Amino acid sequence: MSYQIIADVDNPTTARVLMAALRAHGFHPLEHGEGGLPGVGNVFGKGGVPVQVPEEEADDATILATELLKEMMAGNA
């Protein structure tokens, strides 16, 4: 199964909440440690925590993730 990154989240806690919300909505985000080293973030990327879903879920999951992140960031302002 091929996965696609739908969000790159700076805060690991926010990434975990986002993945839980995606699962609650029926998506299947890749758990950290399933595709790389356990406990290690995005070693080669731009520094955030990549949130990945199967490619066939990526379009719909991106829409939901974008809206959820907007709401989470509005709460931090």
Protein backbone atom coordinates (compact mmCIF):
# COMPACT_ATOMS: atom_id res chain seq x y z
CA MET A 1 0.00 0.00 0.00
CA SER A 2 1.33 3.40 -0.96
CA TYR A 3 0.97 6.38 1.39
CA GLN A 4 0.88 10.10 0.72
CA ILE A 5 1.78 12.93 3.10
CA ILE A 6 -1.25 15.17 3.58
CA ALA A 7 0.16 17.46 6.28
CA ASP A 8 3.47 18.31 7.90
CA VAL A 9 2.74 19.34 11.47
CA ASP A 10 5.31 21.17 13.60
CA ASN A 11 3.98 19.98 16.96
CA PRO A 12 4.04 16.20 17.61
CA THR A 13 1.07 16.47 19.98
CA THR A 14 -1.00 18.25 17.33
CA ALA A 15 -0.01 15.55 14.82
CA ARG A 16 -1.23 12.81 17.21
CA VAL A 17 -4.56 14.61 17.73
CA LEU A 18 -4.93 15.05 13.97
CA MET A 19 -4.26 11.35 13.34
CA ALA A 20 -6.80 10.37 16.01
CA ALA A 21 -9.39 12.64 14.40
CA LEU A 22 -8.66 11.19 10.96
CA ARG A 23 -9.11 7.65 12.33
CA ALA A 24 -12.38 8.70 13.98
CA HIS A 25 -13.60 9.84 10.55
CA GLY A 26 -12.73 6.49 8.93
CA PHE A 27 -9.32 7.29 7.47
CA HIS A 28 -6.22 5.15 8.04
CA PRO A 29 -3.23 7.37 8.88
CA LEU A 30 0.15 5.69 9.06
CA GLU A 31 1.26 5.29 12.66
CA HIS A 32 4.73 6.57 13.44
CA GLY A 33 7.05 3.62 13.53
CA GLU A 34 5.16 1.71 10.84
CA GLY A 35 7.04 3.32 7.98
CA GLY A 36 10.29 4.35 9.62
CA LEU A 37 12.16 4.32 12.88
CA PRO A 38 10.04 4.27 16.05
CA GLY A 39 10.10 7.54 17.95
CA VAL A 40 11.94 9.37 15.20
CA GLY A 41 10.24 12.21 13.37
CA ASN A 42 10.82 13.24 9.79
CA VAL A 43 14.62 12.83 9.73
CA PHE A 44 15.11 13.90 6.13
CA GLY A 45 12.18 16.29 5.72
CA LYS A 46 11.65 19.88 6.70
CA GLY A 47 11.41 19.16 10.40
CA GLY A 48 7.74 18.54 11.15
CA VAL A 49 5.80 15.36 11.74
CA PRO A 50 4.45 13.99 8.44
CA VAL A 51 0.84 12.82 8.53
CA GLN A 52 0.32 10.15 5.89
CA VAL A 53 -2.72 8.27 4.62
CA PRO A 54 -3.19 5.70 1.86
CA GLU A 55 -3.09 7.38 -1.56
CA GLU A 56 -6.74 6.53 -2.28
CA GLU A 57 -7.80 8.46 0.86
CA ALA A 58 -5.48 11.44 0.34
CA ASP A 59 -7.86 13.88 -1.38
CA ASP A 60 -10.66 13.62 1.17
CA ALA A 61 -8.29 13.32 4.14
CA THR A 62 -6.43 16.48 3.03
CA ILE A 63 -9.66 18.48 3.07
CA LEU A 64 -10.52 17.27 6.57
CA ALA A 65 -6.95 17.69 7.89
CA THR A 66 -6.75 21.26 6.57
CA GLU A 67 -9.98 22.24 8.30
CA LEU A 68 -9.06 20.49 11.56
CA LEU A 69 -5.63 22.16 11.64
CA LYS A 70 -7.26 25.59 11.05
CA GLU A 71 -9.54 24.98 14.03
CA MET A 72 -6.67 23.74 16.22
CA MET A 73 -4.49 26.74 15.33
CA ALA A 74 -7.37 29.18 15.95
CA GLY A 75 -7.62 27.78 19.47
CA ASN A 76 -3.92 28.53 20.04
CA ALA A 77 -4.14 32.16 18.94
